[in-house]
Protein backbone atom coordinates (compact mmCIF):
# COMPACT_ATOMS: atom_id res chain seq x y z
CA UNK A 1 170.44 122.76 195.61
CA UNK A 2 172.20 120.57 198.11
CA UNK A 3 169.86 119.29 200.78
CA UNK A 4 170.63 118.07 204.26
CA UNK A 5 171.20 114.33 203.96
CA UNK A 6 169.51 113.99 200.51
CA UNK A 7 171.13 111.39 198.21
CA UNK A 8 172.50 112.52 194.81
CA UNK A 9 170.11 112.68 191.85
CA UNK A 10 171.95 109.88 190.03
CA UNK A 11 170.82 106.57 191.61
CA UNK A 12 173.56 104.58 189.88
CA UNK A 13 176.65 103.56 191.88
CA UNK A 14 179.62 105.84 191.30
CA UNK A 15 183.15 104.75 190.66
CA UNK A 16 185.24 104.31 193.77
CA UNK A 17 187.39 107.37 194.48
CA UNK A 18 191.13 107.01 194.12
CA UNK A 19 191.60 108.07 197.73
CA UNK A 20 188.85 107.19 200.27
CA UNK A 21 187.52 109.98 202.43
CA UNK A 22 189.10 110.27 205.85
CA UNK A 23 186.95 108.67 208.58
CA UNK A 24 185.08 111.05 210.88
CA UNK A 25 186.19 111.09 214.54
CA UNK A 26 183.89 109.70 217.22
CA UNK A 27 181.37 112.22 218.66
CA UNK A 28 182.81 113.78 221.85
CA UNK A 29 180.91 114.60 225.00
CA UNK A 30 181.28 118.38 225.09
CA UNK A 31 180.29 120.97 222.49
CA UNK A 32 183.18 123.00 221.06
CA UNK A 33 185.62 120.09 220.97
CA UNK A 34 188.04 120.23 218.03
CA UNK A 35 188.77 117.00 216.18
CA UNK A 36 192.31 115.55 216.34
CA UNK A 37 193.11 116.74 212.80
CA UNK A 38 191.83 120.25 213.55
CA UNK A 39 189.36 120.17 210.64
CA UNK A 40 186.13 119.82 212.65
CA UNK A 41 184.33 121.28 215.68
CA UNK A 42 181.60 119.36 217.56
CA UNK A 43 178.58 121.66 218.16
CA UNK A 44 176.82 119.19 220.46
CA UNK A 45 174.87 117.52 217.67
CA UNK A 46 177.18 117.13 214.67
CA UNK A 47 180.70 117.84 213.34
CA UNK A 48 180.95 121.19 211.54
CA UNK A 49 183.96 122.61 209.64
CA UNK A 50 186.45 124.49 211.77
CA UNK A 51 186.21 128.14 210.60
CA UNK A 52 189.90 128.62 211.40
CA UNK A 53 190.85 126.06 208.75
CA UNK A 54 190.38 126.63 204.99
CA UNK A 55 187.53 124.48 203.62
CA UNK A 56 188.65 121.22 202.02
CA UNK A 57 188.31 120.75 198.26
CA UNK A 58 185.16 119.01 196.99
CA UNK A 59 185.21 115.32 197.84
CA UNK A 60 184.21 112.29 195.80
CA UNK A 61 180.57 112.45 196.92
CA UNK A 62 178.84 115.08 194.73
CA UNK A 63 175.67 116.53 196.14
CA UNK A 64 176.54 115.99 199.82
CA UNK A 65 177.26 118.72 202.37
CA UNK A 66 180.85 119.78 202.94
CA UNK A 67 180.94 118.46 206.54
CA UNK A 68 181.44 114.86 205.47
CA UNK A 69 180.58 111.96 203.18
CA UNK A 70 177.22 110.21 203.42
CA UNK A 71 176.65 107.86 206.32
CA UNK A 72 175.04 105.47 203.86
CA UNK A 73 173.52 105.42 200.40
CA UNK A 74 172.37 102.59 198.14
CA UNK A 75 174.79 103.72 195.45
CA UNK A 76 177.70 103.37 197.85
CA UNK A 77 176.68 100.14 199.51
CA UNK A 78 174.62 100.81 202.65
CA UNK A 79 171.16 102.28 203.32
CA UNK A 80 171.05 105.85 204.58
CA UNK A 81 170.97 105.95 208.38
CA UNK A 82 171.62 109.64 209.06
CA UNK A 83 172.24 113.03 207.50
CA UNK A 84 175.83 113.50 208.69
CA UNK A 85 178.64 111.72 210.54
CA UNK A 86 177.71 110.95 214.14
CA UNK A 87 173.97 111.45 213.56
CA UNK A 88 171.08 109.16 212.73
CA UNK A 89 167.43 109.69 211.88
CA UNK A 90 165.20 109.10 214.93
CA UNK A 91 162.81 106.23 214.32
CA UNK A 92 159.15 105.74 215.17
CA UNK A 93 159.69 103.93 218.48
CA UNK A 94 161.90 106.52 220.19
CA UNK A 95 159.72 109.35 218.88
CA UNK A 96 156.63 107.63 220.28
CA UNK A 97 158.26 107.46 223.72
CA UNK A 98 159.07 111.19 223.51
CA UNK A 99 155.43 111.87 222.54
CA UNK A 100 154.17 109.89 225.55
CA UNK A 101 156.43 111.88 227.88
CA UNK A 102 155.12 115.15 226.44
CA UNK A 103 151.54 113.87 226.68
CA UNK A 104 152.00 113.07 230.37
CA UNK A 105 153.35 116.58 231.02
CA UNK A 106 150.48 118.17 229.12
CA UNK A 107 147.91 116.02 230.93
CA UNK A 108 149.10 117.23 234.33
CA UNK A 109 149.14 120.90 233.25
CA UNK A 110 145.77 120.77 231.49
CA UNK A 111 144.13 118.84 234.36
CA UNK A 112 145.29 121.49 236.82
CA UNK A 113 144.02 124.31 234.60
CA UNK A 114 140.68 122.56 234.06
CA UNK A 115 140.25 122.02 237.80
CA UNK A 116 140.94 125.71 238.42
CA UNK A 117 138.31 126.74 235.88
CA UNK A 118 135.56 124.38 237.02
CA UNK A 119 136.34 121.30 234.95
CA UNK A 120 135.72 120.46 231.30
CA UNK A 121 131.98 120.09 231.91
CA UNK A 122 129.64 122.04 234.16
CA UNK A 123 126.17 121.26 235.46
CA UNK A 124 123.53 123.89 235.97
CA UNK A 125 122.31 123.53 239.58
CA UNK A 126 118.81 124.67 238.67
CA UNK A 127 118.13 122.54 235.58
CA UNK A 128 120.64 119.74 236.10
CA UNK A 129 121.77 120.14 232.49
CA UNK A 130 125.44 119.36 231.85
CA UNK A 131 127.25 121.44 229.24
CA UNK A 132 130.78 121.85 227.98
CA UNK A 133 132.91 124.34 229.87
CA UNK A 134 134.11 126.37 226.91
CA UNK A 135 136.71 128.27 228.92
CA UNK A 136 138.43 125.10 230.13
CA UNK A 137 138.29 123.48 226.68
CA UNK A 138 139.71 126.59 225.03
CA UNK A 139 142.53 126.87 227.56
CA UNK A 140 143.43 123.21 227.09
CA UNK A 141 143.62 123.65 223.33
CA UNK A 142 145.73 126.81 223.64
CA UNK A 143 148.12 125.14 226.08
CA UNK A 144 148.63 122.18 223.73
CA UNK A 145 149.45 124.45 220.79
CA UNK A 146 151.66 126.71 222.88
CA UNK A 147 153.57 123.76 224.32
CA UNK A 148 154.49 122.23 220.96
CA UNK A 149 154.97 125.37 218.87
CA UNK A 150 156.76 127.14 221.71
CA UNK A 151 159.31 124.41 222.36
CA UNK A 152 159.76 123.61 218.66
CA UNK A 153 160.38 127.26 217.80
CA UNK A 154 162.54 128.12 220.81
CA UNK A 155 164.60 124.93 221.20
CA UNK A 156 163.77 122.65 218.24
CA UNK A 157 162.81 120.00 220.81
CA UNK A 158 160.15 119.39 223.45
CA UNK A 159 160.94 118.21 226.99
CA UNK A 160 160.12 114.65 225.90
CA UNK A 161 162.62 114.96 223.06
CA UNK A 162 165.21 116.50 225.37
CA UNK A 163 164.94 113.46 227.63
CA UNK A 164 165.84 111.18 224.71
CA UNK A 165 168.37 113.50 223.03
CA UNK A 166 166.21 114.08 219.95
CA UNK A 167 166.20 117.28 217.95
CA UNK A 168 164.21 118.68 215.00
CA UNK A 169 166.28 120.34 212.27
CA UNK A 170 165.75 121.65 208.76
CA UNK A 171 166.31 119.03 206.11
CA UNK A 172 168.18 121.45 203.81
CA UNK A 173 171.04 122.35 206.11
CA UNK A 174 170.51 120.99 209.62
CA UNK A 175 169.61 124.42 211.05
CA UNK A 176 167.24 124.71 214.04
CA UNK A 177 163.61 125.74 213.58
CA UNK A 178 162.19 129.22 213.92
CA UNK A 179 158.63 129.93 215.00
CA UNK A 180 157.40 130.15 211.40
CA UNK A 181 158.64 126.64 210.67
CA UNK A 182 157.26 125.46 214.03
CA UNK A 183 153.77 126.73 213.15
CA UNK A 184 153.94 125.11 209.71
CA UNK A 185 155.01 121.83 211.31
CA UNK A 186 152.06 122.01 213.73
CA UNK A 187 149.65 122.51 210.83
CA UNK A 188 151.26 119.47 209.20
CA UNK A 189 150.86 117.62 212.49
CA UNK A 190 147.10 118.12 212.34
CA UNK A 191 147.01 117.02 208.69
CA UNK A 192 149.05 113.93 209.57
CA UNK A 193 146.59 113.00 212.32
CA UNK A 194 143.36 113.36 210.35
CA UNK A 195 143.44 110.22 208.14
CA UNK A 196 143.66 107.70 211.01
CA UNK A 197 147.13 108.98 211.94
CA UNK A 198 148.66 107.66 208.72
CA UNK A 199 150.85 110.73 208.39
CA UNK A 200 152.34 110.03 211.83
CA UNK A 201 152.79 106.31 211.17
CA UNK A 202 154.66 107.24 207.98
CA UNK A 203 157.74 107.75 210.17
CA UNK A 204 158.06 103.97 210.52
CA UNK A 205 158.42 103.43 206.76
CA UNK A 206 160.13 106.54 205.42
CA UNK A 207 163.88 106.27 204.62
CA UNK A 208 164.60 109.45 206.55
CA UNK A 209 161.94 108.75 209.24
CA UNK A 210 159.85 111.73 208.16
CA UNK A 211 156.16 111.98 208.95
CA UNK A 212 153.91 114.00 206.67
CA UNK A 213 154.32 116.96 209.04
CA UNK A 214 158.10 116.71 208.59
CA UNK A 215 157.74 116.69 204.81
CA UNK A 216 155.36 119.66 204.90
CA UNK A 217 157.69 121.70 207.11
CA UNK A 218 160.94 120.42 205.56
CA UNK A 219 162.27 118.89 208.78
CA UNK A 220 163.87 115.71 210.08
CA UNK A 221 164.29 114.44 213.64
CA UNK A 222 167.82 113.39 214.50
CA UNK A 223 169.83 112.08 217.41
CA UNK A 224 173.50 111.20 218.02
CA UNK A 225 174.48 107.73 216.91
CA UNK A 226 174.35 105.34 219.86
CA UNK A 227 177.81 104.05 220.83
């Protein structure tokens, strides 16, 4: 099965095609823009085949999606940088910034909710014993889950990711997430965090910038190539 941005099974370099693939046009600003040759439509994140034009015959890159040749592969000379023309895998640094933005938003919301419910801890006025405020703790946990799963499932991106033009897509075909995939990714997120955050740090070393949660859910995080 062809997977979104996965190199061919054969790691050996292939013979150069007789006719090189036509270069992809530069990403436009607006979604729905048709490429100069009429073969492609920009959906806001990547070039997709124009449905009004018959699909082109298979190209010289077996195993790659029909929307274009690989942006890089060791067998063809360059390391993989993205799953499709005009896109690149989002690295650890930019994803960390998006996480910090989301954390700041969550902190404000959770702090306000905790204040409205008496704080995370409460002290008995008669005994002076301080205990955990279970209601506030439970609400904070529910808000955190709802924030991530809700935005991942509804938009494939959180507000922090929106600010940096990042998007989560399925590795097989570049499709957006549904809520089932979002829940699975959240479970993977917890697993990634347990062993000292190694699963999250994995993004910095993986060729496609996938953390363990991405591998569990079958996702990648992408962004338009900077120009």
